[in-house]
Amino acid sequence: MQMIDVGLIREQVRDYLRQNFLFGADVGNLDDSASLIEQGVVDGTGVLELVLFVEETYGLTIEEQDLTPEHFDSVDNIVAYVAERLR
């Protein structure tokens, strides 16, 4: 059984957000549990970009029914979703 490195997934997601949405700004004050949309980090298009990042980075195919805030609206949710799908 493959070990899932949740810390690495979190680091990769935060790095992607910094490079693509925060444009190099410090993500230190980004609350991993808060809504990325409510924090103004991403919009609807940004969520789709996040989905593509997850698919390409982790080799997953995201089904339409999985495109929910429960999976993609916070760093914590993205990390939990990816880790669960990789198990």
PDB file of N, CA and C in Angstrom:
ATOM      1  N   MET A   1       0.842  -1.192   0.000  1.00  0.00           N
ATOM      2  CA  MET A   1       0.000   0.000   0.000  1.00  0.00           C
ATOM      3  C   MET A   1       0.883   1.251   0.000  1.00  0.00           C
ATOM      4  N   GLN A   2       0.541   2.179  -0.848  1.00  0.00           N
ATOM      5  CA  GLN A   2       1.322   3.401  -1.018  1.00  0.00           C
ATOM      6  C   GLN A   2       1.068   4.365   0.140  1.00  0.00           C
ATOM      7  N   MET A   3       2.150   4.945   0.659  1.00  0.00           N
ATOM      8  CA  MET A   3       2.033   5.944   1.713  1.00  0.00           C
ATOM      9  C   MET A   3       1.711   7.296   1.086  1.00  0.00           C
ATOM     10  N   ILE A   4       0.723   7.972   1.599  1.00  0.00           N
ATOM     11  CA  ILE A   4       0.331   9.286   1.087  1.00  0.00           C
ATOM     12  C   ILE A   4       0.998  10.349   1.957  1.00  0.00           C
ATOM     13  N   ASP A   5       1.774  11.235   1.341  1.00  0.00           N
ATOM     14  CA  ASP A   5       2.446  12.304   2.064  1.00  0.00           C
ATOM     15  C   ASP A   5       1.575  13.556   2.021  1.00  0.00           C
ATOM     16  N   VAL A   6       0.727  13.691   3.021  1.00  0.00           N
ATOM     17  CA  VAL A   6      -0.219  14.804   3.078  1.00  0.00           C
ATOM     18  C   VAL A   6       0.532  16.134   3.168  1.00  0.00           C
ATOM     19  N   GLY A   7       1.640  16.152   3.875  1.00  0.00           N
ATOM     20  CA  GLY A   7       2.435  17.374   3.990  1.00  0.00           C
ATOM     21  C   GLY A   7       2.958  17.838   2.635  1.00  0.00           C
ATOM     22  N   LEU A   8       3.388  16.882   1.820  1.00  0.00           N
ATOM     23  CA  LEU A   8       3.881  17.215   0.484  1.00  0.00           C
ATOM     24  C   LEU A   8       2.748  17.745  -0.394  1.00  0.00           C
ATOM     25  N   ILE A   9       1.594  17.106  -0.328  1.00  0.00           N
ATOM     26  CA  ILE A   9       0.432  17.569  -1.106  1.00  0.00           C
ATOM     27  C   ILE A   9       0.100  19.007  -0.695  1.00  0.00           C
ATOM     28  N   ARG A  10       0.064  19.270   0.614  1.00  0.00           N
ATOM     29  CA  ARG A  10      -0.251  20.622   1.117  1.00  0.00           C
ATOM     30  C   ARG A  10       0.775  21.627   0.575  1.00  0.00           C
ATOM     31  N   GLU A  11       2.049  21.276   0.624  1.00  0.00           N
ATOM     32  CA  GLU A  11       3.110  22.155   0.137  1.00  0.00           C
ATOM     33  C   GLU A  11       2.940  22.433  -1.362  1.00  0.00           C
ATOM     34  N   GLN A  12       2.620  21.404  -2.137  1.00  0.00           N
ATOM     35  CA  GLN A  12       2.445  21.567  -3.584  1.00  0.00           C
ATOM     36  C   GLN A  12       1.245  22.445  -3.905  1.00  0.00           C
ATOM     37  N   VAL A  13       0.140  22.256  -3.189  1.00  0.00           N
ATOM     38  CA  VAL A  13      -1.062  23.066  -3.420  1.00  0.00           C
ATOM     39  C   VAL A  13      -0.786  24.524  -3.061  1.00  0.00           C
ATOM     40  N   ARG A  14      -0.159  24.749  -1.915  1.00  0.00           N
ATOM     41  CA  ARG A  14       0.151  26.125  -1.498  1.00  0.00           C
ATOM     42  C   ARG A  14       1.118  26.782  -2.489  1.00  0.00           C
ATOM     43  N   ASP A  15       2.100  26.022  -2.970  1.00  0.00           N
ATOM     44  CA  ASP A  15       3.054  26.552  -3.939  1.00  0.00           C
ATOM     45  C   ASP A  15       2.346  26.925  -5.240  1.00  0.00           C
ATOM     46  N   TYR A  16       1.430  26.053  -5.688  1.00  0.00           N
ATOM     47  CA  TYR A  16       0.661  26.344  -6.907  1.00  0.00           C
ATOM     48  C   TYR A  16      -0.154  27.632  -6.737  1.00  0.00           C
ATOM     49  N   LEU A  17      -0.807  27.771  -5.594  1.00  0.00           N
ATOM     50  CA  LEU A  17      -1.601  28.978  -5.331  1.00  0.00           C
ATOM     51  C   LEU A  17      -0.711  30.219  -5.329  1.00  0.00           C
ATOM     52  N   ARG A  18       0.462  30.112  -4.691  1.00  0.00           N
ATOM     53  CA  ARG A  18       1.373  31.262  -4.625  1.00  0.00           C
ATOM     54  C   ARG A  18       1.816  31.681  -6.030  1.00  0.00           C
ATOM     55  N   GLN A  19       2.179  30.703  -6.851  1.00  0.00           N
ATOM     56  CA  GLN A  19       2.699  31.015  -8.184  1.00  0.00           C
ATOM     57  C   GLN A  19       1.626  31.475  -9.161  1.00  0.00           C
ATOM     58  N   ASN A  20       0.418  30.938  -9.044  1.00  0.00           N
ATOM     59  CA  ASN A  20      -0.605  31.184 -10.059  1.00  0.00           C
ATOM     60  C   ASN A  20      -1.704  32.164  -9.653  1.00  0.00           C
ATOM     61  N   PHE A  21      -1.891  32.369  -8.368  1.00  0.00           N
ATOM     62  CA  PHE A  21      -2.972  33.262  -7.933  1.00  0.00           C
ATOM     63  C   PHE A  21      -2.482  34.391  -7.044  1.00  0.00           C
ATOM     64  N   LEU A  22      -1.463  34.125  -6.248  1.00  0.00           N
ATOM     65  CA  LEU A  22      -0.940  35.151  -5.358  1.00  0.00           C
ATOM     66  C   LEU A  22       0.303  35.806  -5.957  1.00  0.00           C
ATOM     67  N   PHE A  23       0.753  35.278  -7.079  1.00  0.00           N
ATOM     68  CA  PHE A  23       1.864  35.834  -7.849  1.00  0.00           C
ATOM     69  C   PHE A  23       3.103  36.076  -6.999  1.00  0.00           C
ATOM     70  N   GLY A  24       3.474  35.030  -6.256  1.00  0.00           N
ATOM     71  CA  GLY A  24       4.696  35.074  -5.478  1.00  0.00           C
ATOM     72  C   GLY A  24       4.545  35.679  -4.096  1.00  0.00           C
ATOM     73  N   ALA A  25       3.365  36.188  -3.780  1.00  0.00           N
ATOM     74  CA  ALA A  25       3.149  36.777  -2.456  1.00  0.00           C
ATOM     75  C   ALA A  25       3.262  35.680  -1.392  1.00  0.00           C
ATOM     76  N   ASP A  26       3.504  36.086  -0.186  1.00  0.00           N
ATOM     77  CA  ASP A  26       3.650  35.155   0.925  1.00  0.00           C
ATOM     78  C   ASP A  26       2.323  34.441   1.197  1.00  0.00           C
ATOM     79  N   VAL A  27       2.369  33.116   1.233  1.00  0.00           N
ATOM     80  CA  VAL A  27       1.154  32.358   1.553  1.00  0.00           C
ATOM     81  C   VAL A  27       1.089  32.044   3.043  1.00  0.00           C
ATOM     82  N   GLY A  28       2.032  32.580   3.796  1.00  0.00           N
ATOM     83  CA  GLY A  28       2.077  32.321   5.229  1.00  0.00           C
ATOM     84  C   GLY A  28       0.810  32.730   5.956  1.00  0.00           C
ATOM     85  N   ASN A  29       0.173  33.794   5.487  1.00  0.00           N
ATOM     86  CA  ASN A  29      -1.049  34.242   6.152  1.00  0.00           C
ATOM     87  C   ASN A  29      -2.308  33.691   5.467  1.00  0.00           C
ATOM     88  N   LEU A  30      -2.120  32.747   4.569  1.00  0.00           N
ATOM     89  CA  LEU A  30      -3.260  32.087   3.933  1.00  0.00           C
ATOM     90  C   LEU A  30      -3.788  31.027   4.897  1.00  0.00           C
ATOM     91  N   ASP A  31      -5.037  31.122   5.235  1.00  0.00           N
ATOM     92  CA  ASP A  31      -5.658  30.180   6.162  1.00  0.00           C
ATOM     93  C   ASP A  31      -6.067  28.929   5.388  1.00  0.00           C
ATOM     94  N   ASP A  32      -5.419  27.801   5.688  1.00  0.00           N
ATOM     95  CA  ASP A  32      -5.673  26.565   4.945  1.00  0.00           C
ATOM     96  C   ASP A  32      -7.113  26.071   5.062  1.00  0.00           C
ATOM     97  N   SER A  33      -7.803  26.482   6.114  1.00  0.00           N
ATOM     98  CA  SER A  33      -9.173  25.993   6.298  1.00  0.00           C
ATOM     99  C   SER A  33     -10.221  26.965   5.755  1.00  0.00           C
ATOM    100  N   ALA A  34      -9.805  28.166   5.394  1.00  0.00           N
ATOM    101  CA  ALA A  34     -10.759  29.183   4.927  1.00  0.00           C
ATOM    102  C   ALA A  34     -11.035  29.036   3.435  1.00  0.00           C
ATOM    103  N   SER A  35     -12.179  29.514   3.036  1.00  0.00           N
ATOM    104  CA  SER A  35     -12.597  29.468   1.635  1.00  0.00           C
ATOM    105  C   SER A  35     -11.657  30.282   0.766  1.00  0.00           C
ATOM    106  N   LEU A  36     -11.119  29.646  -0.277  1.00  0.00           N
ATOM    107  CA  LEU A  36     -10.252  30.356  -1.217  1.00  0.00           C
ATOM    108  C   LEU A  36     -11.026  31.426  -1.973  1.00  0.00           C
ATOM    109  N   ILE A  37     -12.296  31.158  -2.224  1.00  0.00           N
ATOM    110  CA  ILE A  37     -13.131  32.138  -2.924  1.00  0.00           C
ATOM    111  C   ILE A  37     -13.412  33.329  -2.007  1.00  0.00           C
ATOM    112  N   GLU A  38     -13.803  33.057  -0.760  1.00  0.00           N
ATOM    113  CA  GLU A  38     -14.110  34.145   0.179  1.00  0.00           C
ATOM    114  C   GLU A  38     -12.874  34.966   0.513  1.00  0.00           C
ATOM    115  N   GLN A  39     -11.676  34.343   0.508  1.00  0.00           N
ATOM    116  CA  GLN A  39     -10.435  35.075   0.769  1.00  0.00           C
ATOM    117  C   GLN A  39      -9.988  35.867  -0.463  1.00  0.00           C
ATOM    118  N   GLY A  40     -10.696  35.677  -1.593  1.00  0.00           N
ATOM    119  CA  GLY A  40     -10.347  36.393  -2.809  1.00  0.00           C
ATOM    120  C   GLY A  40      -9.139  35.816  -3.536  1.00  0.00           C
ATOM    121  N   VAL A  41      -8.775  34.576  -3.211  1.00  0.00           N
ATOM    122  CA  VAL A  41      -7.618  33.949  -3.857  1.00  0.00           C
ATOM    123  C   VAL A  41      -7.991  33.454  -5.254  1.00  0.00           C
ATOM    124  N   VAL A  42      -9.141  32.797  -5.366  1.00  0.00           N
ATOM    125  CA  VAL A  42      -9.584  32.275  -6.657  1.00  0.00           C
ATOM    126  C   VAL A  42     -11.025  32.691  -6.917  1.00  0.00           C
ATOM    127  N   ASP A  43     -11.405  32.631  -8.203  1.00  0.00           N
ATOM    128  CA  ASP A  43     -12.798  32.832  -8.601  1.00  0.00           C
ATOM    129  C   ASP A  43     -13.244  31.528  -9.266  1.00  0.00           C
ATOM    130  N   GLY A  44     -14.362  31.536  -9.937  1.00  0.00           N
ATOM    131  CA  GLY A  44     -14.868  30.323 -10.579  1.00  0.00           C
ATOM    132  C   GLY A  44     -13.895  29.732 -11.579  1.00  0.00           C
ATOM    133  N   THR A  45     -13.264  30.591 -12.365  1.00  0.00           N
ATOM    134  CA  THR A  45     -12.263  30.126 -13.330  1.00  0.00           C
ATOM    135  C   THR A  45     -11.054  29.560 -12.603  1.00  0.00           C
ATOM    136  N   GLY A  46     -10.674  30.206 -11.519  1.00  0.00           N
ATOM    137  CA  GLY A  46      -9.541  29.733 -10.727  1.00  0.00           C
ATOM    138  C   GLY A  46      -9.764  28.345 -10.169  1.00  0.00           C
ATOM    139  N   VAL A  47     -11.002  28.057  -9.782  1.00  0.00           N
ATOM    140  CA  VAL A  47     -11.315  26.720  -9.277  1.00  0.00           C
ATOM    141  C   VAL A  47     -11.075  25.684 -10.377  1.00  0.00           C
ATOM    142  N   LEU A  48     -11.473  26.013 -11.604  1.00  0.00           N
ATOM    143  CA  LEU A  48     -11.235  25.086 -12.720  1.00  0.00           C
ATOM    144  C   LEU A  48      -9.743  24.899 -12.964  1.00  0.00           C
ATOM    145  N   GLU A  49      -8.966  25.962 -12.818  1.00  0.00           N
ATOM    146  CA  GLU A  49      -7.515  25.850 -12.952  1.00  0.00           C
ATOM    147  C   GLU A  49      -6.948  24.950 -11.854  1.00  0.00           C
ATOM    148  N   LEU A  50      -7.471  25.075 -10.643  1.00  0.00           N
ATOM    149  CA  LEU A  50      -7.052  24.204  -9.543  1.00  0.00           C
ATOM    150  C   LEU A  50      -7.362  22.741  -9.855  1.00  0.00           C
ATOM    151  N   VAL A  51      -8.530  22.501 -10.416  1.00  0.00           N
ATOM    152  CA  VAL A  51      -8.928  21.131 -10.782  1.00  0.00           C
ATOM    153  C   VAL A  51      -7.946  20.564 -11.812  1.00  0.00           C
ATOM    154  N   LEU A  52      -7.599  21.360 -12.816  1.00  0.00           N
ATOM    155  CA  LEU A  52      -6.628  20.905 -13.824  1.00  0.00           C
ATOM    156  C   LEU A  52      -5.274  20.618 -13.190  1.00  0.00           C
ATOM    157  N   PHE A  53      -4.857  21.477 -12.268  1.00  0.00           N
ATOM    158  CA  PHE A  53      -3.598  21.257 -11.553  1.00  0.00           C
ATOM    159  C   PHE A  53      -3.630  19.913 -10.818  1.00  0.00           C
ATOM    160  N   VAL A  54      -4.716  19.653 -10.113  1.00  0.00           N
ATOM    161  CA  VAL A  54      -4.842  18.392  -9.365  1.00  0.00           C
ATOM    162  C   VAL A  54      -4.803  17.199 -10.317  1.00  0.00           C
ATOM    163  N   GLU A  55      -5.531  17.292 -11.421  1.00  0.00           N
ATOM    164  CA  GLU A  55      -5.551  16.193 -12.393  1.00  0.00           C
ATOM    165  C   GLU A  55      -4.155  15.928 -12.951  1.00  0.00           C
ATOM    166  N   GLU A  56      -3.477  16.991 -13.360  1.00  0.00           N
ATOM    167  CA  GLU A  56      -2.157  16.830 -13.987  1.00  0.00           C
ATOM    168  C   GLU A  56      -1.095  16.413 -12.982  1.00  0.00           C
ATOM    169  N   THR A  57      -1.125  16.974 -11.796  1.00  0.00           N
ATOM    170  CA  THR A  57      -0.087  16.713 -10.799  1.00  0.00           C
ATOM    171  C   THR A  57      -0.218  15.325 -10.190  1.00  0.00           C
ATOM    172  N   TYR A  58      -1.431  14.882  -9.945  1.00  0.00           N
ATOM    173  CA  TYR A  58      -1.640  13.627  -9.223  1.00  0.00           C
ATOM    174  C   TYR A  58      -2.212  12.507 -10.090  1.00  0.00           C
ATOM    175  N   GLY A  59      -2.385  12.777 -11.386  1.00  0.00           N
ATOM    176  CA  GLY A  59      -2.869  11.744 -12.288  1.00  0.00           C
ATOM    177  C   GLY A  59      -4.295  11.314 -12.018  1.00  0.00           C
ATOM    178  N   LEU A  60      -5.094  12.230 -11.521  1.00  0.00           N
ATOM    179  CA  LEU A  60      -6.488  11.925 -11.206  1.00  0.00           C
ATOM    180  C   LEU A  60      -7.409  12.457 -12.297  1.00  0.00           C
ATOM    181  N   THR A  61      -8.553  11.826 -12.431  1.00  0.00           N
ATOM    182  CA  THR A  61      -9.615  12.357 -13.273  1.00  0.00           C
ATOM    183  C   THR A  61     -10.724  12.802 -12.330  1.00  0.00           C
ATOM    184  N   ILE A  62     -11.019  14.092 -12.349  1.00  0.00           N
ATOM    185  CA  ILE A  62     -12.036  14.643 -11.456  1.00  0.00           C
ATOM    186  C   ILE A  62     -13.386  14.554 -12.154  1.00  0.00           C
ATOM    187  N   GLU A  63     -14.307  13.837 -11.535  1.00  0.00           N
ATOM    188  CA  GLU A  63     -15.650  13.697 -12.084  1.00  0.00           C
ATOM    189  C   GLU A  63     -16.463  14.953 -11.772  1.00  0.00           C
ATOM    190  N   GLU A  64     -17.439  15.219 -12.627  1.00  0.00           N
ATOM    191  CA  GLU A  64     -18.251  16.425 -12.471  1.00  0.00           C
ATOM    192  C   GLU A  64     -18.895  16.510 -11.085  1.00  0.00           C
ATOM    193  N   GLN A  65     -19.353  15.382 -10.552  1.00  0.00           N
ATOM    194  CA  GLN A  65     -20.008  15.416  -9.245  1.00  0.00           C
ATOM    195  C   GLN A  65     -19.033  15.740  -8.112  1.00  0.00           C
ATOM    196  N   ASP A  66     -17.719  15.670  -8.398  1.00  0.00           N
ATOM    197  CA  ASP A  66     -16.720  16.010  -7.382  1.00  0.00           C
ATOM    198  C   ASP A  66     -16.334  17.487  -7.399  1.00  0.00           C
ATOM    199  N   LEU A  67     -16.855  18.260  -8.352  1.00  0.00           N
ATOM    200  CA  LEU A  67     -16.539  19.683  -8.452  1.00  0.00           C
ATOM    201  C   LEU A  67     -17.394  20.473  -7.470  1.00  0.00           C
ATOM    202  N   THR A  68     -17.077  20.313  -6.196  1.00  0.00           N
ATOM    203  CA  THR A  68     -17.860  20.952  -5.138  1.00  0.00           C
ATOM    204  C   THR A  68     -16.932  21.735  -4.212  1.00  0.00           C
ATOM    205  N   PRO A  69     -17.491  22.709  -3.503  1.00  0.00           N
ATOM    206  CA  PRO A  69     -16.683  23.444  -2.518  1.00  0.00           C
ATOM    207  C   PRO A  69     -16.094  22.511  -1.456  1.00  0.00           C
ATOM    208  N   GLU A  70     -16.797  21.436  -1.147  1.00  0.00           N
ATOM    209  CA  GLU A  70     -16.295  20.493  -0.149  1.00  0.00           C
ATOM    210  C   GLU A  70     -14.946  19.914  -0.572  1.00  0.00           C
ATOM    211  N   HIS A  71     -14.664  19.921  -1.865  1.00  0.00           N
ATOM    212  CA  HIS A  71     -13.401  19.367  -2.359  1.00  0.00           C
ATOM    213  C   HIS A  71     -12.389  20.431  -2.777  1.00  0.00           C
ATOM    214  N   PHE A  72     -12.835  21.581  -3.234  1.00  0.00           N
ATOM    215  CA  PHE A  72     -11.908  22.524  -3.879  1.00  0.00           C
ATOM    216  C   PHE A  72     -11.943  23.955  -3.363  1.00  0.00           C
ATOM    217  N   ASP A  73     -12.609  24.239  -2.237  1.00  0.00           N
ATOM    218  CA  ASP A  73     -12.717  25.628  -1.806  1.00  0.00           C
ATOM    219  C   ASP A  73     -11.738  26.021  -0.698  1.00  0.00           C
ATOM    220  N   SER A  74     -10.884  25.111  -0.262  1.00  0.00           N
ATOM    221  CA  SER A  74      -9.847  25.480   0.705  1.00  0.00           C
ATOM    222  C   SER A  74      -8.655  24.557   0.504  1.00  0.00           C
ATOM    223  N   VAL A  75      -7.515  24.984   1.010  1.00  0.00           N
ATOM    224  CA  VAL A  75      -6.325  24.137   0.918  1.00  0.00           C
ATOM    225  C   VAL A  75      -6.588  22.823   1.628  1.00  0.00           C
ATOM    226  N   ASP A  76      -7.171  22.887   2.828  1.00  0.00           N
ATOM    227  CA  ASP A  76      -7.466  21.660   3.581  1.00  0.00           C
ATOM    228  C   ASP A  76      -8.358  20.716   2.781  1.00  0.00           C
ATOM    229  N   ASN A  77      -9.398  21.270   2.136  1.00  0.00           N
ATOM    230  CA  ASN A  77     -10.317  20.424   1.366  1.00  0.00           C
ATOM    231  C   ASN A  77      -9.623  19.779   0.179  1.00  0.00           C
ATOM    232  N   ILE A  78      -8.784  20.542  -0.509  1.00  0.00           N
ATOM    233  CA  ILE A  78      -8.066  19.992  -1.662  1.00  0.00           C
ATOM    234  C   ILE A  78      -7.130  18.881  -1.218  1.00  0.00           C
ATOM    235  N   VAL A  79      -6.383  19.123  -0.149  1.00  0.00           N
ATOM    236  CA  VAL A  79      -5.439  18.115   0.363  1.00  0.00           C
ATOM    237  C   VAL A  79      -6.182  16.845   0.765  1.00  0.00           C
ATOM    238  N   ALA A  80      -7.288  16.996   1.484  1.00  0.00           N
ATOM    239  CA  ALA A  80      -8.061  15.821   1.925  1.00  0.00           C
ATOM    240  C   ALA A  80      -8.616  15.059   0.725  1.00  0.00           C
ATOM    241  N   TYR A  81      -9.121  15.777  -0.260  1.00  0.00           N
ATOM    242  CA  TYR A  81      -9.686  15.135  -1.458  1.00  0.00           C
ATOM    243  C   TYR A  81      -8.609  14.363  -2.212  1.00  0.00           C
ATOM    244  N   VAL A  82      -7.462  15.005  -2.454  1.00  0.00           N
ATOM    245  CA  VAL A  82      -6.381  14.345  -3.192  1.00  0.00           C
ATOM    246  C   VAL A  82      -5.884  13.122  -2.435  1.00  0.00           C
ATOM    247  N   ALA A  83      -5.663  13.271  -1.128  1.00  0.00           N
ATOM    248  CA  ALA A  83      -5.168  12.152  -0.325  1.00  0.00           C
ATOM    249  C   ALA A  83      -6.140  10.977  -0.368  1.00  0.00           C
ATOM    250  N   GLU A  84      -7.438  11.285  -0.263  1.00  0.00           N
ATOM    251  CA  GLU A  84      -8.455  10.225  -0.305  1.00  0.00           C
ATOM    252  C   GLU A  84      -8.459   9.527  -1.665  1.00  0.00           C
ATOM    253  N   ARG A  85      -8.377  10.288  -2.735  1.00  0.00           N
ATOM    254  CA  ARG A  85      -8.394   9.713  -4.085  1.00  0.00           C
ATOM    255  C   ARG A  85      -7.143   8.891  -4.376  1.00  0.00           C
ATOM    256  N   LEU A  86      -6.013   9.234  -3.756  1.00  0.00           N
ATOM    257  CA  LEU A  86      -4.763   8.514  -3.997  1.00  0.00           C
ATOM    258  C   LEU A  86      -4.653   7.220  -3.200  1.00  0.00           C
ATOM    259  N   ARG A  87      -5.547   7.006  -2.239  1.00  0.00           N
ATOM    260  CA  ARG A  87      -5.482   5.791  -1.393  1.00  0.00           C
ATOM    261  C   ARG A  87      -5.832   4.561  -2.192  1.00  0.00           C
TER     262      ARG A  87
END
